[in-house]
Amino acid sequence: MIASCVVASAALGWFWRRQIGRELRWDGECWWLGVPGQPLEQGGDDARLQVRLDAQRWMLLWFTAPGEPRGTWLWAQASADPARWHLLRCALYLPQSSTDRARLRDADAERA
């Protein structure tokens, strides 16, 4: 039992150290995810960002980019950028825009 805990802890530590710092950006319409210093970003019109766990000062987010087979887990915490933490929370909990509602309504109409 103890050996299992040690192996699991070592695997988790190895996984955590391999993680790349990423930058999440909201342009008012779409979510974008990139690595600081690199011009290539994932995201765009169909990118989705979901809050999976919210503990006020940190959040666990799930980012899904269009055309990508898998999503990306993101860990966000207030201490990383205290000046913009409130702005991130507002953008995450902002009601859908009218263009999103129209796109969803059109997709529902096509399914019917």
PDB file of N, CA and C in Angstrom:
ATOM      1  N   MET A   1       0.820  -1.183   0.000  1.00  0.00           N
ATOM      2  CA  MET A   1       0.000   0.000   0.000  1.00  0.00           C
ATOM      3  C   MET A   1       0.879   1.268   0.000  1.00  0.00           C
ATOM      4  N   ILE A   2       1.882   1.258   0.826  1.00  0.00           N
ATOM      5  CA  ILE A   2       2.779   2.415   0.903  1.00  0.00           C
ATOM      6  C   ILE A   2       3.538   2.570  -0.411  1.00  0.00           C
ATOM      7  N   ALA A   3       3.972   1.458  -0.986  1.00  0.00           N
ATOM      8  CA  ALA A   3       4.697   1.518  -2.253  1.00  0.00           C
ATOM      9  C   ALA A   3       3.813   2.107  -3.353  1.00  0.00           C
ATOM     10  N   SER A   4       2.541   1.764  -3.365  1.00  0.00           N
ATOM     11  CA  SER A   4       1.606   2.314  -4.359  1.00  0.00           C
ATOM     12  C   SER A   4       1.485   3.824  -4.213  1.00  0.00           C
ATOM     13  N   CYS A   5       1.401   4.295  -2.984  1.00  0.00           N
ATOM     14  CA  CYS A   5       1.310   5.743  -2.741  1.00  0.00           C
ATOM     15  C   CYS A   5       2.575   6.470  -3.188  1.00  0.00           C
ATOM     16  N   VAL A   6       3.735   5.864  -2.920  1.00  0.00           N
ATOM     17  CA  VAL A   6       5.002   6.475  -3.317  1.00  0.00           C
ATOM     18  C   VAL A   6       5.108   6.534  -4.839  1.00  0.00           C
ATOM     19  N   VAL A   7       4.740   5.452  -5.527  1.00  0.00           N
ATOM     20  CA  VAL A   7       4.799   5.424  -6.989  1.00  0.00           C
ATOM     21  C   VAL A   7       3.827   6.440  -7.589  1.00  0.00           C
ATOM     22  N   ALA A   8       2.604   6.500  -7.048  1.00  0.00           N
ATOM     23  CA  ALA A   8       1.619   7.461  -7.556  1.00  0.00           C
ATOM     24  C   ALA A   8       2.085   8.898  -7.320  1.00  0.00           C
ATOM     25  N   SER A   9       2.660   9.170  -6.166  1.00  0.00           N
ATOM     26  CA  SER A   9       3.170  10.520  -5.874  1.00  0.00           C
ATOM     27  C   SER A   9       4.322  10.887  -6.806  1.00  0.00           C
ATOM     28  N   ALA A  10       5.209   9.945  -7.063  1.00  0.00           N
ATOM     29  CA  ALA A  10       6.334  10.212  -7.968  1.00  0.00           C
ATOM     30  C   ALA A  10       5.829  10.471  -9.384  1.00  0.00           C
ATOM     31  N   ALA A  11       4.852   9.687  -9.829  1.00  0.00           N
ATOM     32  CA  ALA A  11       4.298   9.881 -11.173  1.00  0.00           C
ATOM     33  C   ALA A  11       3.611  11.235 -11.280  1.00  0.00           C
ATOM     34  N   LEU A  12       2.877  11.623 -10.268  1.00  0.00           N
ATOM     35  CA  LEU A  12       2.211  12.918 -10.266  1.00  0.00           C
ATOM     36  C   LEU A  12       3.230  14.057 -10.264  1.00  0.00           C
ATOM     37  N   GLY A  13       4.273  13.937  -9.479  1.00  0.00           N
ATOM     38  CA  GLY A  13       5.330  14.954  -9.459  1.00  0.00           C
ATOM     39  C   GLY A  13       6.016  15.080 -10.803  1.00  0.00           C
ATOM     40  N   TRP A  14       6.307  13.950 -11.444  1.00  0.00           N
ATOM     41  CA  TRP A  14       6.920  13.964 -12.770  1.00  0.00           C
ATOM     42  C   TRP A  14       6.004  14.648 -13.775  1.00  0.00           C
ATOM     43  N   PHE A  15       4.715  14.304 -13.737  1.00  0.00           N
ATOM     44  CA  PHE A  15       3.731  14.915 -14.636  1.00  0.00           C
ATOM     45  C   PHE A  15       3.651  16.428 -14.409  1.00  0.00           C
ATOM     46  N   TRP A  16       3.606  16.865 -13.158  1.00  0.00           N
ATOM     47  CA  TRP A  16       3.458  18.282 -12.819  1.00  0.00           C
ATOM     48  C   TRP A  16       4.662  19.091 -13.294  1.00  0.00           C
ATOM     49  N   ARG A  17       5.857  18.554 -13.149  1.00  0.00           N
ATOM     50  CA  ARG A  17       7.064  19.281 -13.577  1.00  0.00           C
ATOM     51  C   ARG A  17       7.157  19.414 -15.090  1.00  0.00           C
ATOM     52  N   ARG A  18       6.538  18.506 -15.840  1.00  0.00           N
ATOM     53  CA  ARG A  18       6.576  18.560 -17.302  1.00  0.00           C
ATOM     54  C   ARG A  18       5.591  19.558 -17.887  1.00  0.00           C
ATOM     55  N   GLN A  19       4.728  20.112 -17.084  1.00  0.00           N
ATOM     56  CA  GLN A  19       3.705  21.021 -17.591  1.00  0.00           C
ATOM     57  C   GLN A  19       4.334  22.320 -18.086  1.00  0.00           C
ATOM     58  N   ILE A  20       3.768  22.834 -19.160  1.00  0.00           N
ATOM     59  CA  ILE A  20       4.246  24.066 -19.783  1.00  0.00           C
ATOM     60  C   ILE A  20       3.351  25.212 -19.329  1.00  0.00           C
ATOM     61  N   GLY A  21       3.962  26.332 -18.963  1.00  0.00           N
ATOM     62  CA  GLY A  21       3.179  27.515 -18.640  1.00  0.00           C
ATOM     63  C   GLY A  21       2.464  28.012 -19.887  1.00  0.00           C
ATOM     64  N   ARG A  22       1.197  28.287 -19.772  1.00  0.00           N
ATOM     65  CA  ARG A  22       0.410  28.736 -20.926  1.00  0.00           C
ATOM     66  C   ARG A  22      -0.260  30.062 -20.607  1.00  0.00           C
ATOM     67  N   GLU A  23      -0.659  30.726 -21.658  1.00  0.00           N
ATOM     68  CA  GLU A  23      -1.337  32.010 -21.518  1.00  0.00           C
ATOM     69  C   GLU A  23      -2.722  31.901 -22.138  1.00  0.00           C
ATOM     70  N   LEU A  24      -3.720  32.197 -21.338  1.00  0.00           N
ATOM     71  CA  LEU A  24      -5.106  32.159 -21.777  1.00  0.00           C
ATOM     72  C   LEU A  24      -5.530  33.589 -22.091  1.00  0.00           C
ATOM     73  N   ARG A  25      -6.184  33.766 -23.224  1.00  0.00           N
ATOM     74  CA  ARG A  25      -6.562  35.120 -23.655  1.00  0.00           C
ATOM     75  C   ARG A  25      -8.003  35.115 -24.150  1.00  0.00           C
ATOM     76  N   TRP A  26      -8.753  36.123 -23.733  1.00  0.00           N
ATOM     77  CA  TRP A  26     -10.128  36.347 -24.183  1.00  0.00           C
ATOM     78  C   TRP A  26     -10.118  37.650 -24.965  1.00  0.00           C
ATOM     79  N   ASP A  27     -10.539  37.616 -26.238  1.00  0.00           N
ATOM     80  CA  ASP A  27     -10.508  38.830 -27.056  1.00  0.00           C
ATOM     81  C   ASP A  27     -11.870  39.518 -27.139  1.00  0.00           C
ATOM     82  N   GLY A  28     -12.804  39.092 -26.306  1.00  0.00           N
ATOM     83  CA  GLY A  28     -14.142  39.666 -26.324  1.00  0.00           C
ATOM     84  C   GLY A  28     -15.130  38.798 -27.071  1.00  0.00           C
ATOM     85  N   GLU A  29     -14.628  37.901 -27.897  1.00  0.00           N
ATOM     86  CA  GLU A  29     -15.481  36.986 -28.654  1.00  0.00           C
ATOM     87  C   GLU A  29     -15.034  35.540 -28.548  1.00  0.00           C
ATOM     88  N   CYS A  30     -13.727  35.320 -28.490  1.00  0.00           N
ATOM     89  CA  CYS A  30     -13.187  33.955 -28.535  1.00  0.00           C
ATOM     90  C   CYS A  30     -12.098  33.766 -27.482  1.00  0.00           C
ATOM     91  N   TRP A  31     -11.926  32.522 -27.075  1.00  0.00           N
ATOM     92  CA  TRP A  31     -10.839  32.144 -26.176  1.00  0.00           C
ATOM     93  C   TRP A  31      -9.650  31.675 -27.008  1.00  0.00           C
ATOM     94  N   TRP A  32      -8.460  32.033 -26.560  1.00  0.00           N
ATOM     95  CA  TRP A  32      -7.211  31.637 -27.212  1.00  0.00           C
ATOM     96  C   TRP A  32      -6.262  31.106 -26.152  1.00  0.00           C
ATOM     97  N   LEU A  33      -5.505  30.082 -26.498  1.00  0.00           N
ATOM     98  CA  LEU A  33      -4.542  29.485 -25.584  1.00  0.00           C
ATOM     99  C   LEU A  33      -3.214  29.346 -26.302  1.00  0.00           C
ATOM    100  N   GLY A  34      -2.161  29.845 -25.685  1.00  0.00           N
ATOM    101  CA  GLY A  34      -0.843  29.758 -26.305  1.00  0.00           C
ATOM    102  C   GLY A  34       0.251  29.679 -25.270  1.00  0.00           C
ATOM    103  N   VAL A  35       1.448  29.449 -25.752  1.00  0.00           N
ATOM    104  CA  VAL A  35       2.633  29.423 -24.912  1.00  0.00           C
ATOM    105  C   VAL A  35       3.298  30.793 -25.038  1.00  0.00           C
ATOM    106  N   PRO A  36       3.592  31.471 -23.918  1.00  0.00           N
ATOM    107  CA  PRO A  36       4.218  32.791 -24.007  1.00  0.00           C
ATOM    108  C   PRO A  36       5.497  32.754 -24.846  1.00  0.00           C
ATOM    109  N   GLY A  37       5.629  33.715 -25.731  1.00  0.00           N
ATOM    110  CA  GLY A  37       6.804  33.810 -26.583  1.00  0.00           C
ATOM    111  C   GLY A  37       6.680  33.056 -27.898  1.00  0.00           C
ATOM    112  N   GLN A  38       5.590  32.341 -28.099  1.00  0.00           N
ATOM    113  CA  GLN A  38       5.377  31.634 -29.362  1.00  0.00           C
ATOM    114  C   GLN A  38       4.154  32.225 -30.053  1.00  0.00           C
ATOM    115  N   PRO A  39       4.244  32.470 -31.356  1.00  0.00           N
ATOM    116  CA  PRO A  39       3.134  33.126 -32.057  1.00  0.00           C
ATOM    117  C   PRO A  39       1.911  32.231 -32.284  1.00  0.00           C
ATOM    118  N   LEU A  40       2.079  30.927 -32.291  1.00  0.00           N
ATOM    119  CA  LEU A  40       0.980  30.012 -32.583  1.00  0.00           C
ATOM    120  C   LEU A  40       0.068  29.868 -31.368  1.00  0.00           C
ATOM    121  N   GLU A  41      -1.240  30.057 -31.583  1.00  0.00           N
ATOM    122  CA  GLU A  41      -2.227  29.912 -30.526  1.00  0.00           C
ATOM    123  C   GLU A  41      -3.330  28.966 -30.981  1.00  0.00           C
ATOM    124  N   GLN A  42      -3.932  28.283 -30.018  1.00  0.00           N
ATOM    125  CA  GLN A  42      -5.103  27.463 -30.286  1.00  0.00           C
ATOM    126  C   GLN A  42      -6.323  28.275 -29.883  1.00  0.00           C
ATOM    127  N   GLY A  43      -7.431  28.018 -30.539  1.00  0.00           N
ATOM    128  CA  GLY A  43      -8.658  28.698 -30.155  1.00  0.00           C
ATOM    129  C   GLY A  43      -9.393  29.208 -31.365  1.00  0.00           C
ATOM    130  N   GLY A  44     -10.202  30.215 -31.137  1.00  0.00           N
ATOM    131  CA  GLY A  44     -10.973  30.795 -32.223  1.00  0.00           C
ATOM    132  C   GLY A  44     -12.457  30.689 -31.956  1.00  0.00           C
ATOM    133  N   ASP A  45     -13.231  30.767 -33.036  1.00  0.00           N
ATOM    134  CA  ASP A  45     -14.686  30.845 -32.933  1.00  0.00           C
ATOM    135  C   ASP A  45     -15.323  29.703 -32.158  1.00  0.00           C
ATOM    136  N   ASP A  46     -14.859  28.487 -32.367  1.00  0.00           N
ATOM    137  CA  ASP A  46     -15.501  27.343 -31.729  1.00  0.00           C
ATOM    138  C   ASP A  46     -14.774  26.849 -30.487  1.00  0.00           C
ATOM    139  N   ALA A  47     -13.800  27.589 -30.006  1.00  0.00           N
ATOM    140  CA  ALA A  47     -13.085  27.193 -28.795  1.00  0.00           C
ATOM    141  C   ALA A  47     -14.010  27.345 -27.588  1.00  0.00           C
ATOM    142  N   ARG A  48     -13.913  26.410 -26.678  1.00  0.00           N
ATOM    143  CA  ARG A  48     -14.755  26.427 -25.481  1.00  0.00           C
ATOM    144  C   ARG A  48     -13.877  26.338 -24.244  1.00  0.00           C
ATOM    145  N   LEU A  49     -14.239  27.091 -23.228  1.00  0.00           N
ATOM    146  CA  LEU A  49     -13.562  27.051 -21.948  1.00  0.00           C
ATOM    147  C   LEU A  49     -14.615  26.813 -20.883  1.00  0.00           C
ATOM    148  N   GLN A  50     -14.451  25.750 -20.119  1.00  0.00           N
ATOM    149  CA  GLN A  50     -15.426  25.398 -19.094  1.00  0.00           C
ATOM    150  C   GLN A  50     -14.757  25.399 -17.729  1.00  0.00           C
ATOM    151  N   VAL A  51     -15.464  25.933 -16.751  1.00  0.00           N
ATOM    152  CA  VAL A  51     -15.002  25.884 -15.372  1.00  0.00           C
ATOM    153  C   VAL A  51     -15.433  24.536 -14.808  1.00  0.00           C
ATOM    154  N   ARG A  52     -14.475  23.735 -14.406  1.00  0.00           N
ATOM    155  CA  ARG A  52     -14.790  22.419 -13.842  1.00  0.00           C
ATOM    156  C   ARG A  52     -14.751  22.447 -12.321  1.00  0.00           C
ATOM    157  N   LEU A  53     -13.942  23.347 -11.756  1.00  0.00           N
ATOM    158  CA  LEU A  53     -13.864  23.478 -10.304  1.00  0.00           C
ATOM    159  C   LEU A  53     -13.481  24.920  -9.988  1.00  0.00           C
ATOM    160  N   ASP A  54     -14.249  25.561  -9.131  1.00  0.00           N
ATOM    161  CA  ASP A  54     -14.005  26.959  -8.779  1.00  0.00           C
ATOM    162  C   ASP A  54     -13.871  27.071  -7.268  1.00  0.00           C
ATOM    163  N   ALA A  55     -12.684  27.457  -6.810  1.00  0.00           N
ATOM    164  CA  ALA A  55     -12.427  27.622  -5.382  1.00  0.00           C
ATOM    165  C   ALA A  55     -12.129  29.083  -5.038  1.00  0.00           C
ATOM    166  N   GLN A  56     -12.671  30.000  -5.797  1.00  0.00           N
ATOM    167  CA  GLN A  56     -12.536  31.445  -5.629  1.00  0.00           C
ATOM    168  C   GLN A  56     -11.133  31.979  -5.950  1.00  0.00           C
ATOM    169  N   ARG A  57     -10.094  31.449  -5.338  1.00  0.00           N
ATOM    170  CA  ARG A  57      -8.731  31.938  -5.585  1.00  0.00           C
ATOM    171  C   ARG A  57      -7.976  31.071  -6.588  1.00  0.00           C
ATOM    172  N   TRP A  58      -8.559  29.956  -6.989  1.00  0.00           N
ATOM    173  CA  TRP A  58      -8.001  29.121  -8.051  1.00  0.00           C
ATOM    174  C   TRP A  58      -9.125  28.381  -8.745  1.00  0.00           C
ATOM    175  N   MET A  59      -8.875  27.982  -9.995  1.00  0.00           N
ATOM    176  CA  MET A  59      -9.879  27.282 -10.789  1.00  0.00           C
ATOM    177  C   MET A  59      -9.216  26.197 -11.623  1.00  0.00           C
ATOM    178  N   LEU A  60      -9.967  25.148 -11.854  1.00  0.00           N
ATOM    179  CA  LEU A  60      -9.569  24.102 -12.777  1.00  0.00           C
ATOM    180  C   LEU A  60     -10.454  24.262 -14.008  1.00  0.00           C
ATOM    181  N   LEU A  61      -9.832  24.485 -15.156  1.00  0.00           N
ATOM    182  CA  LEU A  61     -10.554  24.789 -16.388  1.00  0.00           C
ATOM    183  C   LEU A  61     -10.304  23.708 -17.435  1.00  0.00           C
ATOM    184  N   TRP A  62     -11.244  23.553 -18.348  1.00  0.00           N
ATOM    185  CA  TRP A  62     -11.132  22.602 -19.463  1.00  0.00           C
ATOM    186  C   TRP A  62     -11.273  23.409 -20.748  1.00  0.00           C
ATOM    187  N   PHE A  63     -10.203  23.433 -21.555  1.00  0.00           N
ATOM    188  CA  PHE A  63     -10.166  24.191 -22.805  1.00  0.00           C
ATOM    189  C   PHE A  63     -10.241  23.217 -23.966  1.00  0.00           C
ATOM    190  N   THR A  64     -11.174  23.461 -24.881  1.00  0.00           N
ATOM    191  CA  THR A  64     -11.330  22.633 -26.070  1.00  0.00           C
ATOM    192  C   THR A  64     -11.204  23.524 -27.297  1.00  0.00           C
ATOM    193  N   ALA A  65     -10.208  23.237 -28.125  1.00  0.00           N
ATOM    194  CA  ALA A  65      -9.979  24.013 -29.353  1.00  0.00           C
ATOM    195  C   ALA A  65     -10.617  23.289 -30.528  1.00  0.00           C
ATOM    196  N   PRO A  66     -11.111  24.033 -31.504  1.00  0.00           N
ATOM    197  CA  PRO A  66     -11.684  23.381 -32.688  1.00  0.00           C
ATOM    198  C   PRO A  66     -10.624  22.594 -33.458  1.00  0.00           C
ATOM    199  N   GLY A  67     -11.005  21.421 -33.907  1.00  0.00           N
ATOM    200  CA  GLY A  67     -10.092  20.601 -34.685  1.00  0.00           C
ATOM    201  C   GLY A  67      -9.098  19.799 -33.865  1.00  0.00           C
ATOM    202  N   GLU A  68      -9.078  19.983 -32.559  1.00  0.00           N
ATOM    203  CA  GLU A  68      -8.171  19.227 -31.705  1.00  0.00           C
ATOM    204  C   GLU A  68      -8.881  17.983 -31.187  1.00  0.00           C
ATOM    205  N   PRO A  69      -8.219  16.846 -31.175  1.00  0.00           N
ATOM    206  CA  PRO A  69      -8.886  15.617 -30.730  1.00  0.00           C
ATOM    207  C   PRO A  69      -9.162  15.579 -29.233  1.00  0.00           C
ATOM    208  N   ARG A  70      -8.354  16.300 -28.445  1.00  0.00           N
ATOM    209  CA  ARG A  70      -8.531  16.291 -26.996  1.00  0.00           C
ATOM    210  C   ARG A  70      -8.505  17.712 -26.468  1.00  0.00           C
ATOM    211  N   GLY A  71      -9.070  17.879 -25.297  1.00  0.00           N
ATOM    212  CA  GLY A  71      -9.025  19.165 -24.637  1.00  0.00           C
ATOM    213  C   GLY A  71      -7.772  19.279 -23.768  1.00  0.00           C
ATOM    214  N   THR A  72      -7.637  20.423 -23.125  1.00  0.00           N
ATOM    215  CA  THR A  72      -6.479  20.703 -22.275  1.00  0.00           C
ATOM    216  C   THR A  72      -6.951  21.157 -20.907  1.00  0.00           C
ATOM    217  N   TRP A  73      -6.421  20.530 -19.862  1.00  0.00           N
ATOM    218  CA  TRP A  73      -6.708  20.981 -18.506  1.00  0.00           C
ATOM    219  C   TRP A  73      -5.837  22.184 -18.195  1.00  0.00           C
ATOM    220  N   LEU A  74      -6.421  23.182 -17.558  1.00  0.00           N
ATOM    221  CA  LEU A  74      -5.686  24.389 -17.173  1.00  0.00           C
ATOM    222  C   LEU A  74      -5.904  24.663 -15.694  1.00  0.00           C
ATOM    223  N   TRP A  75      -4.844  25.027 -15.023  1.00  0.00           N
ATOM    224  CA  TRP A  75      -4.895  25.406 -13.627  1.00  0.00           C
ATOM    225  C   TRP A  75      -4.691  26.919 -13.576  1.00  0.00           C
ATOM    226  N   ALA A  76      -5.658  27.637 -13.054  1.00  0.00           N
ATOM    227  CA  ALA A  76      -5.545  29.096 -12.951  1.00  0.00           C
ATOM    228  C   ALA A  76      -5.626  29.482 -11.484  1.00  0.00           C
ATOM    229  N   GLN A  77      -4.740  30.386 -11.070  1.00  0.00           N
ATOM    230  CA  GLN A  77      -4.778  30.830  -9.686  1.00  0.00           C
ATOM    231  C   GLN A  77      -4.564  32.334  -9.618  1.00  0.00           C
ATOM    232  N   ALA A  78      -5.199  32.935  -8.642  1.00  0.00           N
ATOM    233  CA  ALA A  78      -5.176  34.390  -8.500  1.00  0.00           C
ATOM    234  C   ALA A  78      -3.763  34.919  -8.276  1.00  0.00           C
ATOM    235  N   SER A  79      -2.932  34.180  -7.588  1.00  0.00           N
ATOM    236  CA  SER A  79      -1.588  34.669  -7.274  1.00  0.00           C
ATOM    237  C   SER A  79      -0.704  34.801  -8.523  1.00  0.00           C
ATOM    238  N   ALA A  80      -1.073  34.146  -9.624  1.00  0.00           N
ATOM    239  CA  ALA A  80      -0.284  34.249 -10.859  1.00  0.00           C
ATOM    240  C   ALA A  80      -0.412  35.631 -11.496  1.00  0.00           C
ATOM    241  N   ASP A  81      -1.579  36.248 -11.393  1.00  0.00           N
ATOM    242  CA  ASP A  81      -1.810  37.581 -11.950  1.00  0.00           C
ATOM    243  C   ASP A  81      -2.976  38.228 -11.199  1.00  0.00           C
ATOM    244  N   PRO A  82      -2.705  38.744  -9.992  1.00  0.00           N
ATOM    245  CA  PRO A  82      -3.793  39.276  -9.160  1.00  0.00           C
ATOM    246  C   PRO A  82      -4.569  40.418  -9.814  1.00  0.00           C
ATOM    247  N   ALA A  83      -3.896  41.227 -10.624  1.00  0.00           N
ATOM    248  CA  ALA A  83      -4.562  42.379 -11.242  1.00  0.00           C
ATOM    249  C   ALA A  83      -5.634  41.959 -12.242  1.00  0.00           C
ATOM    250  N   ARG A  84      -5.464  40.809 -12.874  1.00  0.00           N
ATOM    251  CA  ARG A  84      -6.423  40.376 -13.893  1.00  0.00           C
ATOM    252  C   ARG A  84      -7.333  39.237 -13.441  1.00  0.00           C
ATOM    253  N   TRP A  85      -7.227  38.797 -12.205  1.00  0.00           N
ATOM    254  CA  TRP A  85      -8.026  37.671 -11.733  1.00  0.00           C
ATOM    255  C   TRP A  85      -9.522  37.958 -11.843  1.00  0.00           C
ATOM    256  N   HIS A  86      -9.927  39.122 -11.404  1.00  0.00           N
ATOM    257  CA  HIS A  86     -11.354  39.465 -11.474  1.00  0.00           C
ATOM    258  C   HIS A  86     -11.837  39.508 -12.924  1.00  0.00           C
ATOM    259  N   LEU A  87     -11.010  40.020 -13.818  1.00  0.00           N
ATOM    260  CA  LEU A  87     -11.382  40.075 -15.235  1.00  0.00           C
ATOM    261  C   LEU A  87     -11.570  38.673 -15.814  1.00  0.00           C
ATOM    262  N   LEU A  88     -10.700  37.742 -15.437  1.00  0.00           N
ATOM    263  CA  LEU A  88     -10.846  36.361 -15.899  1.00  0.00           C
ATOM    264  C   LEU A  88     -12.159  35.774 -15.397  1.00  0.00           C
ATOM    265  N   ARG A  89     -12.456  35.972 -14.130  1.00  0.00           N
ATOM    266  CA  ARG A  89     -13.695  35.434 -13.566  1.00  0.00           C
ATOM    267  C   ARG A  89     -14.916  36.043 -14.251  1.00  0.00           C
ATOM    268  N   CYS A  90     -14.868  37.330 -14.539  1.00  0.00           N
ATOM    269  CA  CYS A  90     -15.991  37.963 -15.246  1.00  0.00           C
ATOM    270  C   CYS A  90     -16.169  37.375 -16.640  1.00  0.00           C
ATOM    271  N   ALA A  91     -15.068  37.178 -17.367  1.00  0.00           N
ATOM    272  CA  ALA A  91     -15.158  36.628 -18.724  1.00  0.00           C
ATOM    273  C   ALA A  91     -15.671  35.185 -18.705  1.00  0.00           C
ATOM    274  N   LEU A  92     -15.283  34.424 -17.696  1.00  0.00           N
ATOM    275  CA  LEU A  92     -15.732  33.034 -17.613  1.00  0.00           C
ATOM    276  C   LEU A  92     -17.225  32.924 -17.311  1.00  0.00           C
ATOM    277  N   TYR A  93     -17.712  33.808 -16.487  1.00  0.00           N
ATOM    278  CA  TYR A  93     -19.114  33.727 -16.076  1.00  0.00           C
ATOM    279  C   TYR A  93     -20.018  34.696 -16.819  1.00  0.00           C
ATOM    280  N   LEU A  94     -19.479  35.374 -17.822  1.00  0.00           N
ATOM    281  CA  LEU A  94     -20.256  36.284 -18.649  1.00  0.00           C
ATOM    282  C   LEU A  94     -21.332  35.511 -19.405  1.00  0.00           C
ATOM    283  N   PRO A  95     -22.570  35.995 -19.437  1.00  0.00           N
ATOM    284  CA  PRO A  95     -23.593  35.298 -20.221  1.00  0.00           C
ATOM    285  C   PRO A  95     -23.186  35.227 -21.686  1.00  0.00           C
ATOM    286  N   GLN A  96     -23.723  34.246 -22.381  1.00  0.00           N
ATOM    287  CA  GLN A  96     -23.384  34.085 -23.797  1.00  0.00           C
ATOM    288  C   GLN A  96     -23.731  35.346 -24.572  1.00  0.00           C
ATOM    289  N   SER A  97     -22.907  35.627 -25.565  1.00  0.00           N
ATOM    290  CA  SER A  97     -23.171  36.786 -26.414  1.00  0.00           C
ATOM    291  C   SER A  97     -24.332  36.479 -27.353  1.00  0.00           C
ATOM    292  N   SER A  98     -24.863  37.493 -27.985  1.00  0.00           N
ATOM    293  CA  SER A  98     -25.981  37.299 -28.907  1.00  0.00           C
ATOM    294  C   SER A  98     -25.565  36.460 -30.112  1.00  0.00           C
ATOM    295  N   THR A  99     -24.291  36.564 -30.538  1.00  0.00           N
ATOM    296  CA  THR A  99     -23.846  35.740 -31.663  1.00  0.00           C
ATOM    297  C   THR A  99     -23.813  34.274 -31.278  1.00  0.00           C
ATOM    298  N   ASP A 100     -23.421  33.961 -30.035  1.00  0.00           N
ATOM    299  CA  ASP A 100     -23.437  32.572 -29.575  1.00  0.00           C
ATOM    300  C   ASP A 100     -24.858  32.041 -29.522  1.00  0.00           C
ATOM    301  N   ARG A 101     -25.766  32.845 -29.020  1.00  0.00           N
ATOM    302  CA  ARG A 101     -27.160  32.404 -28.943  1.00  0.00           C
ATOM    303  C   ARG A 101     -27.725  32.161 -30.334  1.00  0.00           C
ATOM    304  N   ALA A 102     -27.386  33.029 -31.294  1.00  0.00           N
ATOM    305  CA  ALA A 102     -27.872  32.857 -32.662  1.00  0.00           C
ATOM    306  C   ALA A 102     -27.276  31.594 -33.289  1.00  0.00           C
ATOM    307  N   ARG A 103     -25.998  31.346 -33.038  1.00  0.00           N
ATOM    308  CA  ARG A 103     -25.356  30.155 -33.584  1.00  0.00           C
ATOM    309  C   ARG A 103     -25.975  28.884 -32.998  1.00  0.00           C
ATOM    310  N   LEU A 104     -26.265  28.883 -31.698  1.00  0.00           N
ATOM    311  CA  LEU A 104     -26.902  27.731 -31.068  1.00  0.00           C
ATOM    312  C   LEU A 104     -28.327  27.535 -31.603  1.00  0.00           C
ATOM    313  N   ARG A 105     -29.058  28.634 -31.810  1.00  0.00           N
ATOM    314  CA  ARG A 105     -30.409  28.550 -32.329  1.00  0.00           C
ATOM    315  C   ARG A 105     -30.392  27.977 -33.738  1.00  0.00           C
ATOM    316  N   ASP A 106     -29.425  28.398 -34.575  1.00  0.00           N
ATOM    317  CA  ASP A 106     -29.307  27.878 -35.936  1.00  0.00           C
ATOM    318  C   ASP A 106     -28.953  26.387 -35.921  1.00  0.00           C
ATOM    319  N   ALA A 107     -28.072  25.976 -35.004  1.00  0.00           N
ATOM    320  CA  ALA A 107     -27.714  24.569 -34.917  1.00  0.00           C
ATOM    321  C   ALA A 107     -28.911  23.732 -34.487  1.00  0.00           C
ATOM    322  N   ASP A 108     -29.730  24.251 -33.562  1.00  0.00           N
ATOM    323  CA  ASP A 108     -30.946  23.542 -33.136  1.00  0.00           C
ATOM    324  C   ASP A 108     -31.931  23.422 -34.293  1.00  0.00           C
ATOM    325  N   ALA A 109     -32.044  24.461 -35.094  1.00  0.00           N
ATOM    326  CA  ALA A 109     -32.964  24.444 -36.235  1.00  0.00           C
ATOM    327  C   ALA A 109     -32.527  23.414 -37.273  1.00  0.00           C
ATOM    328  N   GLU A 110     -31.214  23.269 -37.478  1.00  0.00           N
ATOM    329  CA  GLU A 110     -30.704  22.294 -38.442  1.00  0.00           C
ATOM    330  C   GLU A 110     -30.980  20.866 -37.979  1.00  0.00           C
ATOM    331  N   ARG A 111     -30.908  20.626 -36.666  1.00  0.00           N
ATOM    332  CA  ARG A 111     -31.139  19.288 -36.127  1.00  0.00           C
ATOM    333  C   ARG A 111     -32.604  18.881 -36.234  1.00  0.00           C
ATOM    334  N   ALA A 112     -33.516  19.867 -36.197  1.00  0.00           N
ATOM    335  CA  ALA A 112     -34.954  19.568 -36.205  1.00  0.00           C
ATOM    336  C   ALA A 112     -35.460  19.128 -37.562  1.00  0.00           C
TER     337      ALA A 112
END
